[in-house]
């Protein structure tokens, strides 16, 4: 059980510590958006690597007949916000 003195101390701290919920929500949303963007770009990159038939990126071998020709940028609107995708060109 709290005493009156404890209640007054708690009241003092409530005035010192304030959380801006909108700002916190914005930071969390940006963190999620950036995570979605990074994950999708990694998946696109891994798929392009798998289709190139080479065990390592930039490796040259007689079995590897294709090359990667960069990427183009596309925007994707997600519930977390707009993400920028680095899409490899189709072979």
N, C-alpha and C. Protein backbone atom coordinates (compact mmCIF):
# COMPACT_ATOMS: atom_id res chain seq x y z
N UNK A 1 0.84 -1.17 0.00
CA UNK A 1 0.00 0.00 0.00
C UNK A 1 0.89 1.24 0.00
N UNK A 2 0.51 2.22 -0.80
CA UNK A 2 1.30 3.44 -0.90
C UNK A 2 0.88 4.46 0.15
N UNK A 3 1.86 5.17 0.62
CA UNK A 3 1.56 6.23 1.58
C UNK A 3 1.33 7.54 0.83
N UNK A 4 0.89 8.54 1.52
CA UNK A 4 0.66 9.86 0.93
C UNK A 4 1.97 10.44 0.42
N UNK A 5 3.06 10.20 1.14
CA UNK A 5 4.38 10.69 0.71
C UNK A 5 4.79 10.03 -0.60
N UNK A 6 4.53 8.72 -0.72
CA UNK A 6 4.85 8.02 -1.97
C UNK A 6 4.02 8.56 -3.13
N UNK A 7 2.75 8.87 -2.87
CA UNK A 7 1.87 9.42 -3.89
C UNK A 7 2.39 10.77 -4.39
N UNK A 8 2.88 11.61 -3.48
CA UNK A 8 3.37 12.92 -3.89
C UNK A 8 4.67 12.79 -4.69
N UNK A 9 5.52 11.84 -4.32
CA UNK A 9 6.75 11.60 -5.09
C UNK A 9 6.42 11.11 -6.49
N UNK A 10 5.46 10.21 -6.58
CA UNK A 10 5.03 9.69 -7.88
C UNK A 10 4.49 10.81 -8.74
N UNK A 11 3.73 11.69 -8.14
CA UNK A 11 3.19 12.84 -8.88
C UNK A 11 4.29 13.73 -9.42
N UNK A 12 5.37 13.92 -8.66
CA UNK A 12 6.51 14.72 -9.13
C UNK A 12 7.15 14.08 -10.34
N UNK A 13 7.31 12.76 -10.32
CA UNK A 13 7.95 12.07 -11.44
C UNK A 13 7.06 12.07 -12.68
N UNK A 14 5.77 12.02 -12.49
CA UNK A 14 4.88 12.06 -13.63
C UNK A 14 5.02 13.38 -14.38
N UNK A 15 5.36 14.44 -13.68
CA UNK A 15 5.57 15.72 -14.33
C UNK A 15 6.92 15.77 -15.04
N UNK A 16 7.90 14.99 -14.59
CA UNK A 16 9.24 15.01 -15.16
C UNK A 16 9.29 14.13 -16.41
N UNK A 17 8.66 12.97 -16.34
CA UNK A 17 8.72 12.02 -17.45
C UNK A 17 7.42 12.11 -18.23
N UNK A 18 7.55 12.54 -19.47
CA UNK A 18 6.39 12.62 -20.36
C UNK A 18 6.74 11.89 -21.65
N UNK A 19 5.81 11.13 -22.13
CA UNK A 19 6.01 10.39 -23.37
C UNK A 19 5.09 10.98 -24.43
N UNK A 20 5.69 11.40 -25.52
CA UNK A 20 4.90 11.90 -26.65
C UNK A 20 4.51 10.68 -27.48
N UNK A 21 3.26 10.23 -27.31
CA UNK A 21 2.81 8.99 -27.94
C UNK A 21 2.84 9.10 -29.46
N UNK A 22 2.51 10.25 -30.02
CA UNK A 22 2.55 10.41 -31.47
C UNK A 22 3.97 10.28 -32.00
N UNK A 23 4.92 10.88 -31.30
CA UNK A 23 6.31 10.79 -31.72
C UNK A 23 6.81 9.35 -31.59
N UNK A 24 6.47 8.68 -30.52
CA UNK A 24 6.85 7.28 -30.32
C UNK A 24 6.25 6.40 -31.40
N UNK A 25 4.98 6.62 -31.70
CA UNK A 25 4.30 5.86 -32.75
C UNK A 25 4.99 6.08 -34.10
N UNK A 26 5.40 7.31 -34.37
CA UNK A 26 6.10 7.62 -35.62
C UNK A 26 7.44 6.92 -35.71
N UNK A 27 8.17 6.87 -34.61
CA UNK A 27 9.47 6.17 -34.60
C UNK A 27 9.29 4.68 -34.82
N UNK A 28 8.29 4.09 -34.19
CA UNK A 28 8.04 2.65 -34.36
C UNK A 28 7.61 2.37 -35.79
N UNK A 29 6.75 3.21 -36.34
CA UNK A 29 6.30 3.01 -37.73
C UNK A 29 7.48 3.11 -38.69
N UNK A 30 8.38 4.05 -38.49
CA UNK A 30 9.55 4.18 -39.36
C UNK A 30 10.46 2.97 -39.22
N UNK A 31 10.61 2.46 -38.02
CA UNK A 31 11.42 1.26 -37.80
C UNK A 31 10.83 0.07 -38.54
N UNK A 32 9.53 -0.10 -38.48
CA UNK A 32 8.87 -1.20 -39.18
C UNK A 32 9.01 -1.00 -40.69
N UNK A 33 8.80 0.23 -41.18
CA UNK A 33 8.91 0.51 -42.61
C UNK A 33 10.30 0.18 -43.13
N UNK A 34 11.33 0.62 -42.40
CA UNK A 34 12.71 0.36 -42.80
C UNK A 34 13.02 -1.13 -42.78
N UNK A 35 12.48 -1.84 -41.81
CA UNK A 35 12.69 -3.29 -41.72
C UNK A 35 12.02 -4.01 -42.90
N UNK A 36 10.81 -3.59 -43.26
CA UNK A 36 10.11 -4.17 -44.41
C UNK A 36 10.91 -3.91 -45.68
N UNK A 37 11.40 -2.69 -45.85
CA UNK A 37 12.18 -2.33 -47.04
C UNK A 37 13.46 -3.18 -47.12
N UNK A 38 14.17 -3.29 -46.03
CA UNK A 38 15.41 -4.06 -46.01
C UNK A 38 15.15 -5.54 -46.31
N UNK A 39 14.10 -6.09 -45.72
CA UNK A 39 13.77 -7.50 -45.92
C UNK A 39 13.38 -7.78 -47.37
N UNK A 40 12.51 -6.95 -47.93
CA UNK A 40 12.08 -7.16 -49.32
C UNK A 40 13.25 -7.02 -50.29
N UNK A 41 14.12 -6.03 -50.08
CA UNK A 41 15.28 -5.87 -50.96
C UNK A 41 16.24 -7.05 -50.83
N UNK A 42 16.42 -7.58 -49.63
CA UNK A 42 17.27 -8.75 -49.45
C UNK A 42 16.69 -9.96 -50.16
N UNK A 43 15.37 -10.11 -50.11
CA UNK A 43 14.72 -11.23 -50.80
C UNK A 43 14.86 -11.11 -52.31
N UNK A 44 14.68 -9.90 -52.84
CA UNK A 44 14.85 -9.69 -54.28
C UNK A 44 16.29 -9.97 -54.71
N UNK A 45 17.24 -9.54 -53.90
CA UNK A 45 18.65 -9.76 -54.18
C UNK A 45 18.99 -11.25 -54.15
N UNK A 46 18.47 -11.96 -53.16
CA UNK A 46 18.74 -13.40 -53.04
C UNK A 46 18.13 -14.15 -54.22
N UNK A 47 16.95 -13.74 -54.65
CA UNK A 47 16.32 -14.40 -55.79
C UNK A 47 17.13 -14.17 -57.06
N UNK A 48 17.64 -12.95 -57.25
CA UNK A 48 18.47 -12.66 -58.42
C UNK A 48 19.76 -13.47 -58.37
N UNK A 49 20.36 -13.61 -57.18
CA UNK A 49 21.57 -14.42 -57.04
C UNK A 49 21.28 -15.88 -57.38
N UNK A 50 20.15 -16.39 -56.93
CA UNK A 50 19.80 -17.79 -57.19
C UNK A 50 19.59 -18.04 -58.67
N UNK A 51 19.04 -17.08 -59.38
CA UNK A 51 18.79 -17.24 -60.81
C UNK A 51 20.05 -17.09 -61.64
N UNK A 52 21.11 -16.53 -61.08
CA UNK A 52 22.33 -16.31 -61.86
C UNK A 52 23.20 -17.55 -61.95
N UNK A 53 22.87 -18.62 -61.24
CA UNK A 53 23.57 -19.90 -61.29
C UNK A 53 25.03 -19.80 -60.91
N UNK A 54 25.37 -18.91 -60.02
CA UNK A 54 26.74 -18.80 -59.51
C UNK A 54 26.68 -18.87 -58.00
N UNK A 55 27.60 -19.62 -57.38
CA UNK A 55 27.57 -19.73 -55.93
C UNK A 55 27.87 -18.42 -55.20
N UNK A 56 28.63 -17.55 -55.81
CA UNK A 56 28.99 -16.29 -55.15
C UNK A 56 28.76 -15.14 -56.12
N UNK A 57 28.40 -14.00 -55.58
CA UNK A 57 28.23 -12.83 -56.41
C UNK A 57 29.56 -12.42 -57.04
N UNK A 58 29.50 -11.96 -58.26
CA UNK A 58 30.65 -11.50 -59.05
C UNK A 58 31.59 -12.62 -59.45
N UNK A 59 31.26 -13.86 -59.13
CA UNK A 59 32.12 -14.98 -59.51
C UNK A 59 31.95 -15.25 -61.01
N UNK A 60 33.04 -15.49 -61.69
CA UNK A 60 33.01 -15.84 -63.11
C UNK A 60 33.42 -17.29 -63.25
N UNK A 61 32.62 -18.03 -64.02
CA UNK A 61 32.93 -19.44 -64.26
C UNK A 61 32.34 -19.84 -65.60
N UNK A 62 32.81 -20.94 -66.17
CA UNK A 62 32.26 -21.39 -67.46
C UNK A 62 30.76 -21.72 -67.38
N UNK A 63 30.29 -22.15 -66.21
CA UNK A 63 28.88 -22.50 -66.05
C UNK A 63 27.98 -21.27 -66.00
N UNK A 64 28.56 -20.16 -65.63
CA UNK A 64 27.76 -18.96 -65.49
C UNK A 64 27.73 -18.22 -66.82
N UNK A 65 26.56 -18.22 -67.43
CA UNK A 65 26.42 -17.58 -68.74
C UNK A 65 25.76 -16.21 -68.65
N UNK A 66 25.14 -15.91 -67.52
CA UNK A 66 24.44 -14.64 -67.40
C UNK A 66 25.15 -13.70 -66.44
N UNK A 67 24.77 -12.45 -66.51
CA UNK A 67 25.31 -11.45 -65.60
C UNK A 67 24.15 -10.65 -65.03
N UNK A 68 24.41 -9.98 -63.94
CA UNK A 68 23.40 -9.11 -63.36
C UNK A 68 23.63 -7.71 -63.89
N UNK A 69 22.56 -7.09 -64.33
CA UNK A 69 22.66 -5.77 -64.96
C UNK A 69 22.08 -4.69 -64.07
N UNK A 70 22.49 -4.67 -62.82
CA UNK A 70 22.03 -3.62 -61.92
C UNK A 70 20.61 -3.82 -61.43
N UNK A 71 19.91 -2.72 -61.23
CA UNK A 71 18.55 -2.76 -60.73
C UNK A 71 17.83 -1.48 -61.12
N UNK A 72 16.54 -1.50 -60.99
CA UNK A 72 15.76 -0.28 -61.14
C UNK A 72 14.92 -0.10 -59.89
N UNK A 73 14.56 1.13 -59.61
CA UNK A 73 13.86 1.43 -58.37
C UNK A 73 12.36 1.48 -58.60
N UNK A 74 11.64 0.88 -57.68
CA UNK A 74 10.19 0.93 -57.68
C UNK A 74 9.72 1.27 -56.28
N UNK A 75 8.62 1.97 -56.19
CA UNK A 75 8.01 2.31 -54.90
C UNK A 75 6.87 1.33 -54.64
N UNK A 76 6.74 0.92 -53.39
CA UNK A 76 5.67 0.04 -52.97
C UNK A 76 5.02 0.64 -51.73
N UNK A 77 3.72 0.80 -51.78
CA UNK A 77 3.00 1.36 -50.65
C UNK A 77 2.55 0.22 -49.75
N UNK A 78 3.00 0.24 -48.50
CA UNK A 78 2.65 -0.78 -47.51
C UNK A 78 1.88 -0.11 -46.37
N UNK A 79 1.26 -0.91 -45.51
CA UNK A 79 0.59 -0.30 -44.34
C UNK A 79 1.55 0.49 -43.45
N UNK A 80 2.85 0.17 -43.51
CA UNK A 80 3.83 0.87 -42.70
C UNK A 80 4.39 2.10 -43.39
N UNK A 81 4.03 2.31 -44.64
CA UNK A 81 4.52 3.46 -45.38
C UNK A 81 5.12 3.03 -46.71
N UNK A 82 5.58 3.99 -47.47
CA UNK A 82 6.16 3.72 -48.78
C UNK A 82 7.57 3.19 -48.65
N UNK A 83 7.87 2.09 -49.36
CA UNK A 83 9.22 1.55 -49.36
C UNK A 83 9.79 1.62 -50.77
N UNK A 84 11.10 1.71 -50.85
CA UNK A 84 11.81 1.78 -52.12
C UNK A 84 12.45 0.43 -52.39
N UNK A 85 12.04 -0.21 -53.47
CA UNK A 85 12.58 -1.52 -53.81
C UNK A 85 13.62 -1.40 -54.91
N UNK A 86 14.69 -2.16 -54.78
CA UNK A 86 15.73 -2.24 -55.80
C UNK A 86 15.49 -3.52 -56.57
N UNK A 87 14.78 -3.42 -57.69
CA UNK A 87 14.31 -4.59 -58.43
C UNK A 87 15.32 -4.93 -59.52
N UNK A 88 15.83 -6.18 -59.53
CA UNK A 88 16.73 -6.59 -60.61
C UNK A 88 15.92 -6.77 -61.90
N UNK A 89 16.49 -6.45 -63.05
CA UNK A 89 15.75 -6.62 -64.30
C UNK A 89 15.48 -8.10 -64.56
N UNK A 90 14.36 -8.38 -65.22
CA UNK A 90 14.02 -9.75 -65.57
C UNK A 90 14.95 -10.24 -66.67
N UNK A 91 15.29 -11.50 -66.60
CA UNK A 91 16.19 -12.08 -67.61
C UNK A 91 15.43 -12.41 -68.86
